[in-house]
Amino acid sequence: MTTVKNVWKAAIAFDATTVASFLRECLEELKFDFSRENIEKRYSKIAFVLPLPKSAYVFRFSIKTPSPFTIDAYDMAPNHGGILHILEVREIDENNINDVRTILAKLTGKLPRKPWEFNWSERLRTGALLPEFMRAKKRWREFGIL
C-alpha cells in the first residue's frame, strides 16, 4: 500500500460489545498502553426516504504506545430491521500502520469467525445489497489480513 489513509473503516460480523471485549484482550496481550472511553457517534437512518439523525454508543480505545491511534467499535441501525456493526481505526499514518496491522490481525484470530464473513440472515435483516457488506473484505485485505 503506497498511500496511507488517515481512517480505516469496515463493517464487521460481530456486535460492538463482543468486538470491544476481544479488542481489550488483544491490546492487553500485546502490552499496548491504552485507555477506553464511552462516546456517541452520529449517523443517519433512512425512513421513508427521509434521513433521520441517530447516535450510536461507541467503545473507543485510545492507544498510546507503541504508537498512537484510536479504534472505535459501534453498532448502527441504518434501517428499521437490522443492525450494522462497524470497526473504525483513526489517526493512521506511516509510523503506526504496522501496529494497526498487528492489532487487526490479532483481533481477527480471536473472533469466532472472520469479521468480513456475514451470514445470510445478517445480510437480509440489514439489507443484503448494502455496499458495506461488499466492501468489508476489501477493507481487511488493504491491511493484508485475509
Protein backbone atom coordinates (compact mmCIF):
# COMPACT_ATOMS: atom_id res chain seq x y z
CA MET A 1 0.00 0.00 0.00
CA THR A 2 1.76 3.16 -1.15
CA THR A 3 -0.50 5.82 0.29
CA VAL A 4 -1.86 5.68 3.81
CA LYS A 5 -5.32 6.94 4.65
CA ASN A 6 -5.96 8.56 7.99
CA VAL A 7 -9.09 6.47 8.67
CA TRP A 8 -9.87 2.80 8.06
CA LYS A 9 -13.48 1.67 8.48
CA ALA A 10 -15.20 -1.66 7.79
CA ALA A 11 -18.43 -3.43 8.59
CA ILE A 12 -17.85 -6.42 10.85
CA ALA A 13 -19.88 -9.52 11.56
CA PHE A 14 -19.95 -9.05 15.34
CA ASP A 15 -21.62 -6.55 17.64
CA ALA A 16 -19.59 -3.75 19.21
CA THR A 17 -19.76 -5.23 22.72
CA THR A 18 -18.22 -8.52 21.57
CA VAL A 19 -15.54 -6.79 19.50
CA ALA A 20 -14.68 -4.42 22.36
CA SER A 21 -14.18 -7.37 24.70
CA PHE A 22 -11.87 -9.19 22.26
CA LEU A 23 -10.07 -5.95 21.37
CA ARG A 24 -9.29 -5.21 25.03
CA GLU A 25 -7.94 -8.75 25.40
CA CYS A 26 -5.71 -8.32 22.31
CA LEU A 27 -4.36 -4.96 23.47
CA GLU A 28 -3.53 -6.37 26.90
CA GLU A 29 -1.78 -9.42 25.41
CA LEU A 30 0.28 -7.17 23.12
CA LYS A 31 1.05 -4.93 26.13
CA PHE A 32 -0.14 -1.82 24.28
CA ASP A 33 -0.70 1.19 26.55
CA PHE A 34 -4.34 2.24 26.00
CA SER A 35 -7.40 3.77 27.59
CA ARG A 36 -11.06 3.14 26.82
CA GLU A 37 -13.87 5.67 26.84
CA ASN A 38 -17.56 5.72 26.01
CA ILE A 39 -18.74 8.22 23.42
CA GLU A 40 -21.55 8.61 20.87
CA LYS A 41 -21.23 8.69 17.09
CA ARG A 42 -23.84 10.35 14.91
CA TYR A 43 -25.18 8.75 11.73
CA SER A 44 -28.32 8.88 9.58
CA LYS A 45 -31.12 6.35 9.45
CA ILE A 46 -33.34 6.26 6.36
CA ALA A 47 -37.09 6.11 6.98
CA PHE A 48 -39.48 6.66 4.08
CA VAL A 49 -36.70 8.37 2.09
CA LEU A 50 -36.10 10.84 4.95
CA PRO A 51 -32.73 10.73 6.71
CA LEU A 52 -33.20 10.79 10.48
CA PRO A 53 -30.31 11.71 12.78
CA LYS A 54 -29.31 8.93 15.18
CA SER A 55 -26.50 8.24 17.65
CA ALA A 56 -24.53 5.07 18.28
CA TYR A 57 -22.84 4.06 21.52
CA VAL A 58 -19.11 3.78 20.78
CA PHE A 59 -16.45 1.69 22.51
CA ARG A 60 -13.37 3.87 21.92
CA PHE A 61 -9.86 2.58 22.54
CA SER A 62 -7.15 5.27 22.53
CA ILE A 63 -3.82 3.51 22.07
CA LYS A 64 -0.83 5.49 23.32
CA THR A 65 2.12 3.12 22.89
CA PRO A 66 3.81 1.62 20.92
CA SER A 67 2.28 4.26 18.62
CA PRO A 68 -0.79 6.49 18.93
CA PHE A 69 -4.06 5.70 17.15
CA THR A 70 -7.73 5.25 18.02
CA ILE A 71 -10.07 2.30 17.47
CA ASP A 72 -13.88 2.69 17.59
CA ALA A 73 -16.35 -0.20 17.66
CA TYR A 74 -20.03 0.70 17.30
CA ASP A 75 -23.39 -0.55 16.05
CA MET A 76 -25.63 1.41 13.65
CA ALA A 77 -29.27 0.76 12.75
CA PRO A 78 -29.42 2.02 9.14
CA ASN A 79 -32.99 0.73 8.73
CA HIS A 80 -35.84 -0.48 10.92
CA GLY A 81 -34.91 -4.17 10.73
CA GLY A 82 -31.20 -4.57 11.09
CA ILE A 83 -28.01 -3.52 12.79
CA LEU A 84 -24.71 -2.87 11.05
CA HIS A 85 -21.58 -3.37 13.18
CA ILE A 86 -18.61 -1.11 12.40
CA LEU A 87 -14.92 -1.14 13.36
CA GLU A 88 -13.07 2.11 12.65
CA VAL A 89 -9.37 2.89 13.13
CA ARG A 90 -8.43 6.57 13.08
CA GLU A 91 -5.18 8.53 13.05
CA ILE A 92 -3.36 6.03 10.84
CA ASP A 93 -0.06 7.19 9.40
CA GLU A 94 3.23 5.78 8.12
CA ASN A 95 4.59 5.45 11.67
CA ASN A 96 1.79 3.36 13.18
CA ILE A 97 0.48 1.30 10.26
CA ASN A 98 2.38 -1.82 11.34
CA ASP A 99 0.92 -1.58 14.86
CA VAL A 100 -2.56 -1.20 13.35
CA ARG A 101 -1.95 -4.31 11.23
CA THR A 102 -0.74 -6.20 14.30
CA ILE A 103 -3.85 -5.45 16.35
CA LEU A 104 -6.28 -6.12 13.46
CA ALA A 105 -4.59 -9.45 12.70
CA LYS A 106 -4.67 -10.46 16.38
CA LEU A 107 -8.34 -9.42 16.67
CA THR A 108 -9.21 -11.44 13.55
CA GLY A 109 -7.58 -14.51 15.11
CA LYS A 110 -9.55 -14.14 18.36
CA LEU A 111 -13.03 -13.72 16.88
CA PRO A 112 -15.13 -16.89 16.38
CA ARG A 113 -15.18 -16.34 12.59
CA LYS A 114 -13.61 -13.90 10.17
CA PRO A 115 -15.11 -10.42 10.71
CA TRP A 116 -15.88 -9.99 6.99
CA GLU A 117 -17.88 -13.24 6.79
CA PHE A 118 -21.52 -12.25 7.17
CA ASN A 119 -24.21 -14.93 7.20
CA TRP A 120 -27.33 -14.52 5.06
CA SER A 121 -29.62 -13.71 7.97
CA GLU A 122 -27.37 -10.76 8.92
CA ARG A 123 -27.34 -9.53 5.33
CA LEU A 124 -31.08 -9.92 4.77
CA ARG A 125 -32.03 -8.29 8.08
CA THR A 126 -29.93 -5.18 7.40
CA GLY A 127 -30.05 -5.07 3.61
CA ALA A 128 -28.26 -7.70 1.52
CA LEU A 129 -27.08 -5.20 -1.08
CA LEU A 130 -25.64 -2.59 1.29
CA PRO A 131 -22.22 -1.56 -0.01
CA GLU A 132 -20.71 -2.03 3.48
CA PHE A 133 -21.07 -5.80 3.13
CA MET A 134 -19.38 -5.79 -0.26
CA ARG A 135 -16.52 -3.54 0.91
CA ALA A 136 -15.78 -5.26 4.22
CA LYS A 137 -13.48 -7.97 2.84
CA LYS A 138 -11.66 -5.41 0.67
CA ARG A 139 -11.03 -3.20 3.71
CA TRP A 140 -9.41 -6.07 5.63
CA ARG A 141 -7.40 -7.04 2.54
CA GLU A 142 -5.96 -3.48 2.44
CA PHE A 143 -4.03 -4.41 5.59
CA GLY A 144 -3.01 -7.83 4.33
CA ILE A 145 -5.38 -9.62 6.69
CA LEU A 146 -7.03 -12.41 4.70
